Amino acid sequence: MERIHRRAMRLPRRYDTTIDRAGLALGAGSALAGGIVLGLLLLGGQRDPLGLMAGWLIGSVFSGIAITAVGGPIWLVLHIAGLRRAWHAAGVGALTAMMIFVGAQTYGFGLFDMPAIDSRTWLFRWLSALASSAILAALAAGIAAAMWRIAYRRQRDG
């Protein structure tokens, strides 16, 4: 009986952040996402150091804008709702990246004008979009979890 009482009295872990840690997390997330752009440039054959640095910088800036514009409002809702764990952040990162990249590769999920293609080609377009976006979604989940680790600390009781 004592064991049940102790478990019932244990409070759930609460996490909180400050504006400075949130800013540091955004900077780190932007830099990590820029690293993905850098990796893609390297895979594409780019070897010029200045071009690689410019690609990383541009990728970081635009990633920071995207993280703030897309992920920020979603995360704000979850934060206010008390859903502040690392897996919540990773889920937001993965889901938003998946939606953005699948939508971009499928003509807005088929809502916008697209070239005339047969149904088999359309199926392969969707399969390719889902597979390639899943890779990027996994990377985005990792970046979001790293951002969460930088931004959040366990709330002190008392």
Protein backbone atom coordinates (compact mmCIF):
# COMPACT_ATOMS: atom_id res chain seq x y z
CA MET A 1 0.00 0.00 0.00
CA GLU A 2 2.86 2.37 0.80
CA ARG A 3 4.30 1.83 -2.69
CA ILE A 4 1.05 2.84 -4.37
CA HIS A 5 0.82 5.94 -2.21
CA ARG A 6 4.36 7.02 -3.15
CA ARG A 7 3.65 6.51 -6.84
CA ALA A 8 0.40 8.49 -6.61
CA MET A 9 2.15 11.37 -4.85
CA ARG A 10 4.91 11.59 -7.42
CA LEU A 11 4.31 14.60 -9.62
CA PRO A 12 4.85 14.40 -13.37
CA ARG A 13 7.96 16.02 -14.74
CA ARG A 14 7.32 19.53 -15.98
CA TYR A 15 9.58 21.30 -18.42
CA ASP A 16 9.93 25.00 -18.96
CA THR A 17 12.01 27.33 -21.10
CA THR A 18 13.13 30.93 -21.27
CA ILE A 19 13.28 33.26 -24.24
CA ASP A 20 17.09 33.17 -24.33
CA ARG A 21 17.21 29.36 -24.38
CA ALA A 22 14.50 29.33 -27.06
CA GLY A 23 16.63 31.69 -29.15
CA LEU A 24 19.69 29.50 -28.69
CA ALA A 25 17.65 26.49 -29.72
CA LEU A 26 16.43 28.26 -32.85
CA GLY A 27 20.00 29.18 -33.76
CA ALA A 28 21.20 25.63 -33.22
CA GLY A 29 18.29 24.19 -35.20
CA SER A 30 18.97 26.59 -38.05
CA ALA A 31 22.66 25.68 -38.10
CA LEU A 32 21.87 21.94 -38.07
CA ALA A 33 19.36 22.32 -40.90
CA GLY A 34 21.96 24.32 -42.82
CA GLY A 35 24.23 21.32 -42.30
CA ILE A 36 21.71 19.19 -44.19
CA VAL A 37 21.87 21.67 -47.07
CA LEU A 38 25.67 21.48 -46.89
CA GLY A 39 25.50 17.68 -47.06
CA LEU A 40 23.22 17.82 -50.07
CA LEU A 41 25.60 20.21 -51.80
CA LEU A 42 28.49 17.84 -51.14
CA LEU A 43 26.46 14.92 -52.50
CA GLY A 44 25.69 17.05 -55.57
CA GLY A 45 29.39 17.45 -56.31
CA GLN A 46 30.01 20.96 -54.99
CA ARG A 47 33.60 21.28 -53.78
CA ASP A 48 34.24 25.03 -53.77
CA PRO A 49 34.71 26.06 -50.11
CA LEU A 50 33.12 29.46 -50.67
CA GLY A 51 30.13 27.89 -52.40
CA LEU A 52 29.74 25.35 -49.61
CA MET A 53 29.90 28.05 -46.96
CA ALA A 54 27.34 30.16 -48.84
CA GLY A 55 25.07 27.14 -49.19
CA TRP A 56 25.28 26.39 -45.48
CA LEU A 57 24.62 30.04 -44.59
CA ILE A 58 21.67 30.42 -46.96
CA GLY A 59 20.29 27.05 -45.87
CA SER A 60 20.60 28.07 -42.22
CA VAL A 61 18.82 31.39 -42.73
CA PHE A 62 15.92 29.94 -44.69
CA SER A 63 15.64 26.97 -42.33
CA GLY A 64 15.43 29.35 -39.40
CA ILE A 65 12.65 31.25 -41.14
CA ALA A 66 10.80 27.99 -41.87
CA ILE A 67 11.24 26.65 -38.33
CA THR A 68 9.90 29.91 -36.91
CA ALA A 69 7.02 30.31 -39.37
CA VAL A 70 5.80 26.71 -39.50
CA GLY A 71 7.00 24.90 -36.40
CA GLY A 72 6.84 27.85 -34.03
CA PRO A 73 3.04 28.29 -33.92
CA ILE A 74 2.46 24.55 -33.64
CA TRP A 75 5.00 24.27 -30.84
CA LEU A 76 3.50 27.28 -29.06
CA VAL A 77 0.11 25.52 -28.95
CA LEU A 78 1.71 22.36 -27.57
CA HIS A 79 3.75 24.35 -25.04
CA ILE A 80 0.65 26.12 -23.75
CA ALA A 81 -1.18 22.77 -23.58
CA GLY A 82 1.63 21.39 -21.42
CA LEU A 83 2.90 18.94 -24.06
CA ARG A 84 6.57 19.82 -23.65
CA ARG A 85 8.52 16.58 -23.88
CA ALA A 86 11.26 15.73 -26.34
CA TRP A 87 9.07 13.30 -28.24
CA HIS A 88 6.45 16.01 -28.72
CA ALA A 89 9.11 18.23 -30.29
CA ALA A 90 10.39 15.39 -32.47
CA GLY A 91 6.84 14.65 -33.60
CA VAL A 92 6.22 18.26 -34.57
CA GLY A 93 9.51 18.35 -36.49
CA ALA A 94 8.83 15.10 -38.31
CA LEU A 95 5.20 15.83 -39.11
CA THR A 96 5.77 19.35 -40.41
CA ALA A 97 8.74 18.28 -42.52
CA MET A 98 6.81 15.34 -43.93
CA MET A 99 3.81 17.49 -44.85
CA ILE A 100 5.91 20.24 -46.44
CA PHE A 101 8.09 17.94 -48.53
CA VAL A 102 5.34 15.55 -49.65
CA GLY A 103 3.17 18.53 -50.59
CA ALA A 104 6.01 20.12 -52.53
CA GLN A 105 6.66 16.94 -54.53
CA THR A 106 3.03 16.11 -55.30
CA TYR A 107 1.85 19.47 -56.63
CA GLY A 108 0.26 20.47 -53.34
CA PHE A 109 -1.13 16.97 -52.69
CA GLY A 110 -2.68 17.07 -56.17
CA LEU A 111 -4.51 20.36 -55.64
CA PHE A 112 -2.52 22.42 -58.15
CA ASP A 113 -2.13 22.07 -61.90
CA MET A 114 0.24 19.31 -62.87
CA PRO A 115 1.40 17.78 -66.10
CA ALA A 116 -0.74 15.06 -67.58
CA ILE A 117 0.51 11.74 -66.23
CA ASP A 118 -0.98 8.28 -66.03
CA SER A 119 -2.13 6.76 -62.76
CA ARG A 120 0.90 4.47 -62.51
CA THR A 121 3.30 7.40 -62.78
CA TRP A 122 1.21 9.27 -60.21
CA LEU A 123 1.49 6.29 -57.82
CA PHE A 124 5.28 6.21 -58.20
CA ARG A 125 5.43 9.98 -57.72
CA TRP A 126 3.62 9.56 -54.38
CA LEU A 127 5.76 6.61 -53.30
CA SER A 128 8.93 8.51 -54.13
CA ALA A 129 7.66 11.61 -52.32
CA LEU A 130 6.78 9.61 -49.21
CA ALA A 131 10.12 7.76 -49.16
CA SER A 132 12.34 10.78 -49.69
CA SER A 133 10.28 12.91 -47.31
CA ALA A 134 10.51 10.22 -44.62
CA ILE A 135 14.30 10.59 -44.64
CA LEU A 136 14.04 14.34 -44.24
CA ALA A 137 11.33 13.94 -41.59
CA ALA A 138 13.65 11.71 -39.55
CA LEU A 139 16.39 14.33 -39.78
CA ALA A 140 13.90 17.05 -38.81
CA ALA A 141 12.81 15.00 -35.79
CA GLY A 142 16.43 14.77 -34.68
CA ILE A 143 16.93 18.50 -35.10
CA ALA A 144 13.71 19.23 -33.17
CA ALA A 145 14.81 16.94 -30.33
CA ALA A 146 18.18 18.70 -30.20
CA MET A 147 16.42 22.07 -30.13
CA TRP A 148 14.20 20.83 -27.31
CA ARG A 149 17.25 19.72 -25.32
CA ILE A 150 18.79 23.17 -25.64
CA ALA A 151 15.58 25.07 -24.85
CA TYR A 152 13.96 23.08 -22.04
CA ARG A 153 14.95 22.33 -18.47
CA ARG A 154 13.09 20.40 -15.83
CA GLN A 155 11.01 22.76 -13.75
CA ARG A 156 12.14 23.07 -10.15
CA ASP A 157 9.54 22.38 -7.51
CA GLY A 158 9.06 24.97 -4.81
